[in-house]
PDB file of N, CA and C in Angstrom:
ATOM      1  N   MET A   1      -4.432 -15.199   5.263  1.00  0.00           N
ATOM      2  CA  MET A   1      -3.291 -14.773   4.450  1.00  0.00           C
ATOM      3  C   MET A   1      -3.787 -14.278   3.097  1.00  0.00           C
ATOM      4  N   ILE A   2      -3.187 -13.185   2.638  1.00  0.00           N
ATOM      5  CA  ILE A   2      -3.530 -12.700   1.304  1.00  0.00           C
ATOM      6  C   ILE A   2      -2.354 -12.964   0.365  1.00  0.00           C
ATOM      7  N   THR A   3      -2.625 -12.958  -0.907  1.00  0.00           N
ATOM      8  CA  THR A   3      -1.604 -13.222  -1.912  1.00  0.00           C
ATOM      9  C   THR A   3      -1.000 -11.908  -2.405  1.00  0.00           C
ATOM     10  N   ALA A   4       0.078 -12.022  -3.150  1.00  0.00           N
ATOM     11  CA  ALA A   4       0.703 -10.843  -3.756  1.00  0.00           C
ATOM     12  C   ALA A   4      -0.271 -10.150  -4.703  1.00  0.00           C
ATOM     13  N   GLU A   5      -1.074 -10.922  -5.410  1.00  0.00           N
ATOM     14  CA  GLU A   5      -2.054 -10.346  -6.331  1.00  0.00           C
ATOM     15  C   GLU A   5      -3.112  -9.548  -5.576  1.00  0.00           C
ATOM     16  N   GLU A   6      -3.566 -10.085  -4.435  1.00  0.00           N
ATOM     17  CA  GLU A   6      -4.546  -9.367  -3.627  1.00  0.00           C
ATOM     18  C   GLU A   6      -3.937  -8.094  -3.037  1.00  0.00           C
ATOM     19  N   ALA A   7      -2.682  -8.150  -2.646  1.00  0.00           N
ATOM     20  CA  ALA A   7      -1.994  -6.962  -2.129  1.00  0.00           C
ATOM     21  C   ALA A   7      -1.878  -5.906  -3.221  1.00  0.00           C
ATOM     22  N   ALA A   8      -1.560  -6.315  -4.446  1.00  0.00           N
ATOM     23  CA  ALA A   8      -1.443  -5.374  -5.561  1.00  0.00           C
ATOM     24  C   ALA A   8      -2.789  -4.711  -5.855  1.00  0.00           C
ATOM     25  N   LEU A   9      -3.857  -5.485  -5.829  1.00  0.00           N
ATOM     26  CA  LEU A   9      -5.192  -4.926  -6.047  1.00  0.00           C
ATOM     27  C   LEU A   9      -5.535  -3.943  -4.927  1.00  0.00           C
ATOM     28  N   ARG A  10      -5.241  -4.300  -3.706  1.00  0.00           N
ATOM     29  CA  ARG A  10      -5.508  -3.435  -2.565  1.00  0.00           C
ATOM     30  C   ARG A  10      -4.726  -2.120  -2.696  1.00  0.00           C
ATOM     31  N   ALA A  11      -3.471  -2.190  -3.151  1.00  0.00           N
ATOM     32  CA  ALA A  11      -2.672  -0.973  -3.351  1.00  0.00           C
ATOM     33  C   ALA A  11      -3.337  -0.067  -4.386  1.00  0.00           C
ATOM     34  N   GLN A  12      -3.846  -0.645  -5.456  1.00  0.00           N
ATOM     35  CA  GLN A  12      -4.546   0.136  -6.477  1.00  0.00           C
ATOM     36  C   GLN A  12      -5.789   0.792  -5.901  1.00  0.00           C
ATOM     37  N   LEU A  13      -6.518   0.067  -5.066  1.00  0.00           N
ATOM     38  CA  LEU A  13      -7.724   0.624  -4.464  1.00  0.00           C
ATOM     39  C   LEU A  13      -7.379   1.774  -3.514  1.00  0.00           C
ATOM     40  N   ILE A  14      -6.310   1.634  -2.767  1.00  0.00           N
ATOM     41  CA  ILE A  14      -5.897   2.671  -1.816  1.00  0.00           C
ATOM     42  C   ILE A  14      -5.458   3.924  -2.558  1.00  0.00           C
ATOM     43  N   LEU A  15      -4.614   3.765  -3.559  1.00  0.00           N
ATOM     44  CA  LEU A  15      -4.048   4.911  -4.276  1.00  0.00           C
ATOM     45  C   LEU A  15      -4.972   5.456  -5.350  1.00  0.00           C
ATOM     46  N   GLU A  16      -5.938   4.651  -5.771  1.00  0.00           N
ATOM     47  CA  GLU A  16      -6.890   5.006  -6.821  1.00  0.00           C
ATOM     48  C   GLU A  16      -6.247   5.176  -8.185  1.00  0.00           C
ATOM     49  N   TYR A  17      -5.114   4.547  -8.388  1.00  0.00           N
ATOM     50  CA  TYR A  17      -4.437   4.554  -9.682  1.00  0.00           C
ATOM     51  C   TYR A  17      -3.935   3.147  -9.969  1.00  0.00           C
ATOM     52  N   PRO A  18      -3.937   2.730 -11.225  1.00  0.00           N
ATOM     53  CA  PRO A  18      -3.343   1.433 -11.572  1.00  0.00           C
ATOM     54  C   PRO A  18      -1.851   1.435 -11.259  1.00  0.00           C
ATOM     55  N   ALA A  19      -1.322   0.305 -10.886  1.00  0.00           N
ATOM     56  CA  ALA A  19       0.091   0.191 -10.516  1.00  0.00           C
ATOM     57  C   ALA A  19       1.004   0.686 -11.624  1.00  0.00           C
ATOM     58  N   GLN A  20       0.657   0.428 -12.875  1.00  0.00           N
ATOM     59  CA  GLN A  20       1.535   0.774 -13.992  1.00  0.00           C
ATOM     60  C   GLN A  20       1.422   2.232 -14.418  1.00  0.00           C
ATOM     61  N   GLN A  21       0.548   3.028 -13.801  1.00  0.00           N
ATOM     62  CA  GLN A  21       0.389   4.427 -14.176  1.00  0.00           C
ATOM     63  C   GLN A  21       1.697   5.163 -13.898  1.00  0.00           C
ATOM     64  N   PRO A  22       2.300   5.808 -14.899  1.00  0.00           N
ATOM     65  CA  PRO A  22       3.656   6.353 -14.771  1.00  0.00           C
ATOM     66  C   PRO A  22       3.859   7.378 -13.655  1.00  0.00           C
ATOM     67  N   ARG A  23       2.908   8.267 -13.438  1.00  0.00           N
ATOM     68  CA  ARG A  23       3.113   9.328 -12.445  1.00  0.00           C
ATOM     69  C   ARG A  23       2.482   9.033 -11.097  1.00  0.00           C
ATOM     70  N   ARG A  24       1.542   8.139 -11.035  1.00  0.00           N
ATOM     71  CA  ARG A  24       0.805   7.914  -9.793  1.00  0.00           C
ATOM     72  C   ARG A  24       0.728   6.450  -9.375  1.00  0.00           C
ATOM     73  N   GLY A  25       1.354   5.564 -10.135  1.00  0.00           N
ATOM     74  CA  GLY A  25       1.305   4.143  -9.825  1.00  0.00           C
ATOM     75  C   GLY A  25       2.216   3.782  -8.665  1.00  0.00           C
ATOM     76  N   CYS A  26       2.476   2.485  -8.513  1.00  0.00           N
ATOM     77  CA  CYS A  26       3.293   2.045  -7.384  1.00  0.00           C
ATOM     78  C   CYS A  26       3.956   0.703  -7.677  1.00  0.00           C
ATOM     79  N   GLU A  27       4.909   0.380  -6.837  1.00  0.00           N
ATOM     80  CA  GLU A  27       5.499  -0.953  -6.778  1.00  0.00           C
ATOM     81  C   GLU A  27       5.351  -1.426  -5.342  1.00  0.00           C
ATOM     82  N   LEU A  28       5.352  -2.734  -5.159  1.00  0.00           N
ATOM     83  CA  LEU A  28       5.271  -3.302  -3.821  1.00  0.00           C
ATOM     84  C   LEU A  28       6.598  -3.947  -3.463  1.00  0.00           C
ATOM     85  N   ASP A  29       7.133  -3.592  -2.307  1.00  0.00           N
ATOM     86  CA  ASP A  29       8.325  -4.260  -1.773  1.00  0.00           C
ATOM     87  C   ASP A  29       7.841  -5.324  -0.801  1.00  0.00           C
ATOM     88  N   GLU A  30       8.058  -6.570  -1.160  1.00  0.00           N
ATOM     89  CA  GLU A  30       7.608  -7.674  -0.310  1.00  0.00           C
ATOM     90  C   GLU A  30       8.621  -7.918   0.805  1.00  0.00           C
ATOM     91  N   PHE A  31       8.122  -8.164   1.996  1.00  0.00           N
ATOM     92  CA  PHE A  31       8.944  -8.560   3.135  1.00  0.00           C
ATOM     93  C   PHE A  31       8.141  -9.606   3.906  1.00  0.00           C
ATOM     94  N   PRO A  32       8.719 -10.307   4.884  1.00  0.00           N
ATOM     95  CA  PRO A  32       8.032 -11.453   5.486  1.00  0.00           C
ATOM     96  C   PRO A  32       6.621 -11.176   6.017  1.00  0.00           C
ATOM     97  N   GLN A  33       6.372 -10.012   6.558  1.00  0.00           N
ATOM     98  CA  GLN A  33       5.059  -9.729   7.139  1.00  0.00           C
ATOM     99  C   GLN A  33       4.078  -9.071   6.171  1.00  0.00           C
ATOM    100  N   GLY A  34       4.530  -8.723   4.966  1.00  0.00           N
ATOM    101  CA  GLY A  34       3.608  -8.095   4.031  1.00  0.00           C
ATOM    102  C   GLY A  34       4.291  -7.378   2.895  1.00  0.00           C
ATOM    103  N   TRP A  35       3.701  -6.238   2.497  1.00  0.00           N
ATOM    104  CA  TRP A  35       4.189  -5.473   1.364  1.00  0.00           C
ATOM    105  C   TRP A  35       4.205  -3.994   1.729  1.00  0.00           C
ATOM    106  N   LEU A  36       5.289  -3.324   1.396  1.00  0.00           N
ATOM    107  CA  LEU A  36       5.411  -1.883   1.553  1.00  0.00           C
ATOM    108  C   LEU A  36       5.108  -1.262   0.198  1.00  0.00           C
ATOM    109  N   ILE A  37       4.187  -0.311   0.165  1.00  0.00           N
ATOM    110  CA  ILE A  37       3.818   0.349  -1.085  1.00  0.00           C
ATOM    111  C   ILE A  37       4.809   1.472  -1.363  1.00  0.00           C
ATOM    112  N   ASN A  38       5.433   1.428  -2.515  1.00  0.00           N
ATOM    113  CA  ASN A  38       6.283   2.530  -2.994  1.00  0.00           C
ATOM    114  C   ASN A  38       5.485   3.274  -4.047  1.00  0.00           C
ATOM    115  N   TRP A  39       4.921   4.395  -3.651  1.00  0.00           N
ATOM    116  CA  TRP A  39       4.024   5.169  -4.491  1.00  0.00           C
ATOM    117  C   TRP A  39       4.795   6.232  -5.246  1.00  0.00           C
ATOM    118  N   ARG A  40       4.742   6.173  -6.579  1.00  0.00           N
ATOM    119  CA  ARG A  40       5.435   7.158  -7.409  1.00  0.00           C
ATOM    120  C   ARG A  40       4.870   8.565  -7.212  1.00  0.00           C
ATOM    121  N   GLY A  41       3.656   8.690  -6.733  1.00  0.00           N
ATOM    122  CA  GLY A  41       3.050   9.992  -6.494  1.00  0.00           C
ATOM    123  C   GLY A  41       3.685  10.754  -5.348  1.00  0.00           C
ATOM    124  N   LEU A  42       4.561  10.121  -4.580  1.00  0.00           N
ATOM    125  CA  LEU A  42       5.221  10.789  -3.466  1.00  0.00           C
ATOM    126  C   LEU A  42       6.609  11.293  -3.834  1.00  0.00           C
ATOM    127  N   ASP A  43       6.948  11.353  -5.123  1.00  0.00           N
ATOM    128  CA  ASP A  43       8.256  11.875  -5.534  1.00  0.00           C
ATOM    129  C   ASP A  43       8.483  13.244  -4.901  1.00  0.00           C
ATOM    130  N   GLY A  44       9.642  13.404  -4.303  1.00  0.00           N
ATOM    131  CA  GLY A  44       9.962  14.656  -3.651  1.00  0.00           C
ATOM    132  C   GLY A  44       9.492  14.738  -2.215  1.00  0.00           C
ATOM    133  N   HIS A  45       8.697  13.772  -1.774  1.00  0.00           N
ATOM    134  CA  HIS A  45       8.182  13.770  -0.414  1.00  0.00           C
ATOM    135  C   HIS A  45       8.448  12.435   0.276  1.00  0.00           C
ATOM    136  N   ALA A  46       9.475  11.758  -0.148  1.00  0.00           N
ATOM    137  CA  ALA A  46       9.771  10.434   0.398  1.00  0.00           C
ATOM    138  C   ALA A  46       9.959  10.502   1.907  1.00  0.00           C
ATOM    139  N   GLY A  47       9.487   9.477   2.585  1.00  0.00           N
ATOM    140  CA  GLY A  47       9.671   9.366   4.014  1.00  0.00           C
ATOM    141  C   GLY A  47       8.581  10.021   4.837  1.00  0.00           C
ATOM    142  N   GLN A  48       7.659  10.745   4.209  1.00  0.00           N
ATOM    143  CA  GLN A  48       6.596  11.386   4.962  1.00  0.00           C
ATOM    144  C   GLN A  48       5.446  10.432   5.259  1.00  0.00           C
ATOM    145  N   LEU A  49       5.270   9.435   4.429  1.00  0.00           N
ATOM    146  CA  LEU A  49       4.190   8.473   4.627  1.00  0.00           C
ATOM    147  C   LEU A  49       4.597   7.135   4.042  1.00  0.00           C
ATOM    148  N   SER A  50       4.427   6.099   4.824  1.00  0.00           N
ATOM    149  CA  SER A  50       4.648   4.737   4.335  1.00  0.00           C
ATOM    150  C   SER A  50       3.373   3.952   4.565  1.00  0.00           C
ATOM    151  N   VAL A  51       3.030   3.122   3.596  1.00  0.00           N
ATOM    152  CA  VAL A  51       1.824   2.310   3.690  1.00  0.00           C
ATOM    153  C   VAL A  51       2.226   0.846   3.573  1.00  0.00           C
ATOM    154  N   VAL A  52       1.742   0.033   4.510  1.00  0.00           N
ATOM    155  CA  VAL A  52       2.021  -1.393   4.530  1.00  0.00           C
ATOM    156  C   VAL A  52       0.712  -2.158   4.411  1.00  0.00           C
ATOM    157  N   ILE A  53       0.739  -3.219   3.611  1.00  0.00           N
ATOM    158  CA  ILE A  53      -0.372  -4.167   3.541  1.00  0.00           C
ATOM    159  C   ILE A  53       0.127  -5.438   4.212  1.00  0.00           C
ATOM    160  N   GLU A  54      -0.501  -5.807   5.315  1.00  0.00           N
ATOM    161  CA  GLU A  54      -0.051  -6.978   6.055  1.00  0.00           C
ATOM    162  C   GLU A  54      -0.495  -8.266   5.371  1.00  0.00           C
ATOM    163  N   ARG A  55       0.398  -9.221   5.362  1.00  0.00           N
ATOM    164  CA  ARG A  55       0.139 -10.519   4.748  1.00  0.00           C
ATOM    165  C   ARG A  55      -0.999 -11.249   5.472  1.00  0.00           C
ATOM    166  N   GLU A  56      -0.986 -11.213   6.773  1.00  0.00           N
ATOM    167  CA  GLU A  56      -2.000 -11.896   7.577  1.00  0.00           C
ATOM    168  C   GLU A  56      -3.258 -11.044   7.637  1.00  0.00           C
ATOM    169  N   GLY A  57      -4.266 -11.372   6.867  1.00  0.00           N
ATOM    170  CA  GLY A  57      -5.539 -10.660   6.911  1.00  0.00           C
ATOM    171  C   GLY A  57      -5.654  -9.434   6.039  1.00  0.00           C
ATOM    172  N   GLY A  58      -4.556  -8.904   5.523  1.00  0.00           N
ATOM    173  CA  GLY A  58      -4.616  -7.769   4.611  1.00  0.00           C
ATOM    174  C   GLY A  58      -4.820  -6.413   5.252  1.00  0.00           C
ATOM    175  N   LEU A  59      -4.666  -6.313   6.572  1.00  0.00           N
ATOM    176  CA  LEU A  59      -4.816  -5.023   7.231  1.00  0.00           C
ATOM    177  C   LEU A  59      -3.792  -4.037   6.675  1.00  0.00           C
ATOM    178  N   VAL A  60      -4.234  -2.800   6.470  1.00  0.00           N
ATOM    179  CA  VAL A  60      -3.354  -1.739   5.990  1.00  0.00           C
ATOM    180  C   VAL A  60      -2.971  -0.880   7.185  1.00  0.00           C
ATOM    181  N   ARG A  61      -1.689  -0.513   7.243  1.00  0.00           N
ATOM    182  CA  ARG A  61      -1.205   0.388   8.292  1.00  0.00           C
ATOM    183  C   ARG A  61      -0.458   1.542   7.636  1.00  0.00           C
ATOM    184  N   TYR A  62      -0.721   2.739   8.145  1.00  0.00           N
ATOM    185  CA  TYR A  62      -0.065   3.948   7.668  1.00  0.00           C
ATOM    186  C   TYR A  62       0.970   4.382   8.702  1.00  0.00           C
ATOM    187  N   PHE A  63       2.191   4.619   8.238  1.00  0.00           N
ATOM    188  CA  PHE A  63       3.286   5.034   9.103  1.00  0.00           C
ATOM    189  C   PHE A  63       3.720   6.437   8.713  1.00  0.00           C
ATOM    190  N   THR A  64       3.792   7.329   9.696  1.00  0.00           N
ATOM    191  CA  THR A  64       4.225   8.696   9.422  1.00  0.00           C
ATOM    192  C   THR A  64       5.549   9.028  10.085  1.00  0.00           C
ATOM    193  N   THR A  65       6.016   8.180  10.989  1.00  0.00           N
ATOM    194  CA  THR A  65       7.244   8.501  11.731  1.00  0.00           C
ATOM    195  C   THR A  65       8.292   7.402  11.656  1.00  0.00           C
ATOM    196  N   VAL A  66       8.080   6.404  10.792  1.00  0.00           N
ATOM    197  CA  VAL A  66       9.013   5.280  10.696  1.00  0.00           C
ATOM    198  C   VAL A  66       9.533   5.204   9.269  1.00  0.00           C
ATOM    199  N   ARG A  67      10.852   5.117   9.124  1.00  0.00           N
ATOM    200  CA  ARG A  67      11.456   5.029   7.790  1.00  0.00           C
ATOM    201  C   ARG A  67      11.125   3.684   7.145  1.00  0.00           C
ATOM    202  N   PRO A  68      10.996   3.672   5.813  1.00  0.00           N
ATOM    203  CA  PRO A  68      10.687   2.430   5.103  1.00  0.00           C
ATOM    204  C   PRO A  68      11.654   1.284   5.418  1.00  0.00           C
ATOM    205  N   ALA A  69      12.952   1.564   5.477  1.00  0.00           N
ATOM    206  CA  ALA A  69      13.922   0.494   5.761  1.00  0.00           C
ATOM    207  C   ALA A  69      13.675  -0.120   7.136  1.00  0.00           C
ATOM    208  N   GLN A  70      13.301   0.695   8.093  1.00  0.00           N
ATOM    209  CA  GLN A  70      13.023   0.185   9.435  1.00  0.00           C
ATOM    210  C   GLN A  70      11.752  -0.657   9.431  1.00  0.00           C
ATOM    211  N   ILE A  71      10.773  -0.258   8.661  1.00  0.00           N
ATOM    212  CA  ILE A  71       9.540  -1.046   8.549  1.00  0.00           C
ATOM    213  C   ILE A  71       9.861  -2.433   8.024  1.00  0.00           C
ATOM    214  N   ILE A  72      10.622  -2.499   6.949  1.00  0.00           N
ATOM    215  CA  ILE A  72      10.947  -3.782   6.324  1.00  0.00           C
ATOM    216  C   ILE A  72      11.824  -4.646   7.227  1.00  0.00           C
ATOM    217  N   ASN A  73      12.799  -4.050   7.891  1.00  0.00           N
ATOM    218  CA  ASN A  73      13.760  -4.830   8.679  1.00  0.00           C
ATOM    219  C   ASN A  73      13.340  -5.098  10.114  1.00  0.00           C
ATOM    220  N   GLU A  74      12.449  -4.291  10.672  1.00  0.00           N
ATOM    221  CA  GLU A  74      12.076  -4.417  12.083  1.00  0.00           C
ATOM    222  C   GLU A  74      10.564  -4.324  12.269  1.00  0.00           C
ATOM    223  N   TYR A  75       9.796  -4.939  11.379  1.00  0.00           N
ATOM    224  CA  TYR A  75       8.353  -4.720  11.376  1.00  0.00           C
ATOM    225  C   TYR A  75       7.686  -5.039  12.709  1.00  0.00           C
ATOM    226  N   GLU A  76       8.008  -6.156  13.304  1.00  0.00           N
ATOM    227  CA  GLU A  76       7.355  -6.519  14.563  1.00  0.00           C
ATOM    228  C   GLU A  76       7.603  -5.462  15.638  1.00  0.00           C
ATOM    229  N   ALA A  77       8.767  -4.840  15.629  1.00  0.00           N
ATOM    230  CA  ALA A  77       9.106  -3.824  16.628  1.00  0.00           C
ATOM    231  C   ALA A  77       8.387  -2.497  16.373  1.00  0.00           C
ATOM    232  N   VAL A  78       8.070  -2.185  15.123  1.00  0.00           N
ATOM    233  CA  VAL A  78       7.461  -0.891  14.800  1.00  0.00           C
ATOM    234  C   VAL A  78       5.986  -0.998  14.419  1.00  0.00           C
ATOM    235  N   ARG A  79       5.468  -2.190  14.315  1.00  0.00           N
ATOM    236  CA  ARG A  79       4.105  -2.419  13.821  1.00  0.00           C
ATOM    237  C   ARG A  79       3.077  -1.538  14.505  1.00  0.00           C
ATOM    238  N   GLU A  80       3.089  -1.458  15.802  1.00  0.00           N
ATOM    239  CA  GLU A  80       2.071  -0.705  16.537  1.00  0.00           C
ATOM    240  C   GLU A  80       2.205   0.805  16.397  1.00  0.00           C
ATOM    241  N   ARG A  81       3.291   1.264  15.798  1.00  0.00           N
ATOM    242  CA  ARG A  81       3.445   2.698  15.526  1.00  0.00           C
ATOM    243  C   ARG A  81       2.692   3.102  14.255  1.00  0.00           C
ATOM    244  N   GLY A  82       2.235   2.102  13.495  1.00  0.00           N
ATOM    245  CA  GLY A  82       1.437   2.365  12.299  1.00  0.00           C
ATOM    246  C   GLY A  82      -0.031   2.491  12.667  1.00  0.00           C
ATOM    247  N   HIS A  83      -0.741   3.299  11.925  1.00  0.00           N
ATOM    248  CA  HIS A  83      -2.158   3.527  12.172  1.00  0.00           C
ATOM    249  C   HIS A  83      -2.964   2.534  11.332  1.00  0.00           C
ATOM    250  N   PRO A  84      -3.722   1.614  11.967  1.00  0.00           N
ATOM    251  CA  PRO A  84      -4.476   0.616  11.210  1.00  0.00           C
ATOM    252  C   PRO A  84      -5.663   1.237  10.488  1.00  0.00           C
ATOM    253  N   ASP A  85      -5.974   0.679   9.337  1.00  0.00           N
ATOM    254  CA  ASP A  85      -7.104   1.122   8.524  1.00  0.00           C
ATOM    255  C   ASP A  85      -7.981  -0.098   8.263  1.00  0.00           C
ATOM    256  N   ASP A  86      -8.935  -0.345   9.142  1.00  0.00           N
ATOM    257  CA  ASP A  86      -9.778  -1.538   9.091  1.00  0.00           C
ATOM    258  C   ASP A  86     -10.557  -1.748   7.799  1.00  0.00           C
ATOM    259  N   PRO A  87     -10.976  -0.700   7.085  1.00  0.00           N
ATOM    260  CA  PRO A  87     -11.710  -0.964   5.839  1.00  0.00           C
ATOM    261  C   PRO A  87     -10.893  -1.714   4.789  1.00  0.00           C
ATOM    262  N   TRP A  88      -9.585  -1.868   5.007  1.00  0.00           N
ATOM    263  CA  TRP A  88      -8.755  -2.550   4.028  1.00  0.00           C
ATOM    264  C   TRP A  88      -8.442  -3.981   4.430  1.00  0.00           C
ATOM    265  N   THR A  89      -9.169  -4.548   5.383  1.00  0.00           N
ATOM    266  CA  THR A  89      -8.972  -5.960   5.688  1.00  0.00           C
ATOM    267  C   THR A  89      -9.488  -6.775   4.515  1.00  0.00           C
ATOM    268  N   ALA A  90      -9.083  -8.028   4.447  1.00  0.00           N
ATOM    269  CA  ALA A  90      -9.463  -8.892   3.324  1.00  0.00           C
ATOM    270  C   ALA A  90     -10.977  -8.972   3.183  1.00  0.00           C
ATOM    271  N   ALA A  91     -11.696  -9.122   4.280  1.00  0.00           N
ATOM    272  CA  ALA A  91     -13.154  -9.249   4.208  1.00  0.00           C
ATOM    273  C   ALA A  91     -13.792  -7.976   3.659  1.00  0.00           C
ATOM    274  N   ALA A  92     -13.289  -6.823   4.062  1.00  0.00           N
ATOM    275  CA  ALA A  92     -13.868  -5.557   3.618  1.00  0.00           C
ATOM    276  C   ALA A  92     -13.600  -5.275   2.150  1.00  0.00           C
ATOM    277  N   CYS A  93     -12.542  -5.824   1.586  1.00  0.00           N
ATOM    278  CA  CYS A  93     -12.168  -5.557   0.198  1.00  0.00           C
ATOM    279  C   CYS A  93     -12.864  -6.451  -0.816  1.00  0.00           C
ATOM    280  N   ARG A  94     -13.485  -7.505  -0.365  1.00  0.00           N
ATOM    281  CA  ARG A  94     -14.142  -8.406  -1.316  1.00  0.00           C
ATOM    282  C   ARG A  94     -15.164  -7.643  -2.147  1.00  0.00           C
ATOM    283  N   GLY A  95     -15.037  -7.755  -3.456  1.00  0.00           N
ATOM    284  CA  GLY A  95     -15.984  -7.136  -4.365  1.00  0.00           C
ATOM    285  C   GLY A  95     -15.654  -5.709  -4.770  1.00  0.00           C
ATOM    286  N   ARG A  96     -14.670  -5.082  -4.159  1.00  0.00           N
ATOM    287  CA  ARG A  96     -14.293  -3.723  -4.562  1.00  0.00           C
ATOM    288  C   ARG A  96     -13.486  -3.792  -5.849  1.00  0.00           C
ATOM    289  N   VAL A  97     -13.671  -2.812  -6.690  1.00  0.00           N
ATOM    290  CA  VAL A  97     -12.997  -2.777  -7.986  1.00  0.00           C
ATOM    291  C   VAL A  97     -12.277  -1.442  -8.118  1.00  0.00           C
ATOM    292  N   PRO A  98     -10.987  -1.442  -8.537  1.00  0.00           N
ATOM    293  CA  PRO A  98     -10.267  -0.172  -8.697  1.00  0.00           C
ATOM    294  C   PRO A  98     -10.806   0.623  -9.878  1.00  0.00           C
ATOM    295  N   ARG A  99     -10.581   1.918  -9.837  1.00  0.00           N
ATOM    296  CA  ARG A  99     -10.942   2.775 -10.963  1.00  0.00           C
ATOM    297  C   ARG A  99     -10.101   2.402 -12.166  1.00  0.00           C
ATOM    298  N   GLN A 100     -10.624   2.669 -13.330  1.00  0.00           N
ATOM    299  CA  GLN A 100      -9.880   2.439 -14.560  1.00  0.00           C
ATOM    300  C   GLN A 100      -8.988   3.632 -14.829  1.00  0.00           C
ATOM    301  N   ALA A 101      -7.872   3.412 -15.506  1.00  0.00           N
ATOM    302  CA  ALA A 101      -6.918   4.482 -15.807  1.00  0.00           C
ATOM    303  C   ALA A 101      -7.598   5.624 -16.558  1.00  0.00           C
ATOM    304  N   THR A 102      -8.582   5.315 -17.383  1.00  0.00           N
ATOM    305  CA  THR A 102      -9.254   6.339 -18.195  1.00  0.00           C
ATOM    306  C   THR A 102     -10.154   7.225 -17.361  1.00  0.00           C
ATOM    307  N   GLU A 103     -10.484   6.836 -16.140  1.00  0.00           N
ATOM    308  CA  GLU A 103     -11.336   7.661 -15.301  1.00  0.00           C
ATOM    309  C   GLU A 103     -10.597   8.867 -14.756  1.00  0.00           C
ATOM    310  N   ARG A 104      -9.287   8.852 -14.824  1.00  0.00           N
ATOM    311  CA  ARG A 104      -8.461   9.950 -14.328  1.00  0.00           C
ATOM    312  C   ARG A 104      -7.780  10.605 -15.520  1.00  0.00           C
ATOM    313  N   SER A 105      -8.363  11.612 -16.077  1.00  0.00           N
ATOM    314  CA  SER A 105      -7.744  12.255 -17.233  1.00  0.00           C
ATOM    315  C   SER A 105      -6.654  13.207 -16.797  1.00  0.00           C
ATOM    316  N   GLY A 106      -5.673  13.395 -17.665  1.00  0.00           N
ATOM    317  CA  GLY A 106      -4.590  14.325 -17.401  1.00  0.00           C
ATOM    318  C   GLY A 106      -3.462  13.785 -16.555  1.00  0.00           C
ATOM    319  N   ASP A 107      -3.523  12.531 -16.171  1.00  0.00           N
ATOM    320  CA  ASP A 107      -2.468  11.936 -15.334  1.00  0.00           C
ATOM    321  C   ASP A 107      -1.671  10.899 -16.106  1.00  0.00           C
ATOM    322  N   GLY A 108      -1.446  11.098 -17.376  1.00  0.00           N
ATOM    323  CA  GLY A 108      -0.819  10.104 -18.212  1.00  0.00           C
ATOM    324  C   GLY A 108       0.612  10.107 -18.167  1.00  0.00           C
TER     325      GLY A 108
END
């Protein structure tokens, strides 16, 4: 099991932006099986990609054909429709550090 803090760090590593970054950051919607990443960088393109960080083990799954509400409300039924990304398991993330906000100029 991973914690909310570990999920938040993983989201930063995936998106390569700090959560609080105004144009490219994110919020996490927690649900029983994990966290759905709401990425501000997808403004205007909502529903084209959803990213979930699973609570059990921290596996990341990318969904391209499932609406966010369905993911949150029916995760067990739609889970296998997401594409797993093994490098984001808890073991693989140990020791990784997100980029600093200053490393990305012009995105303020």
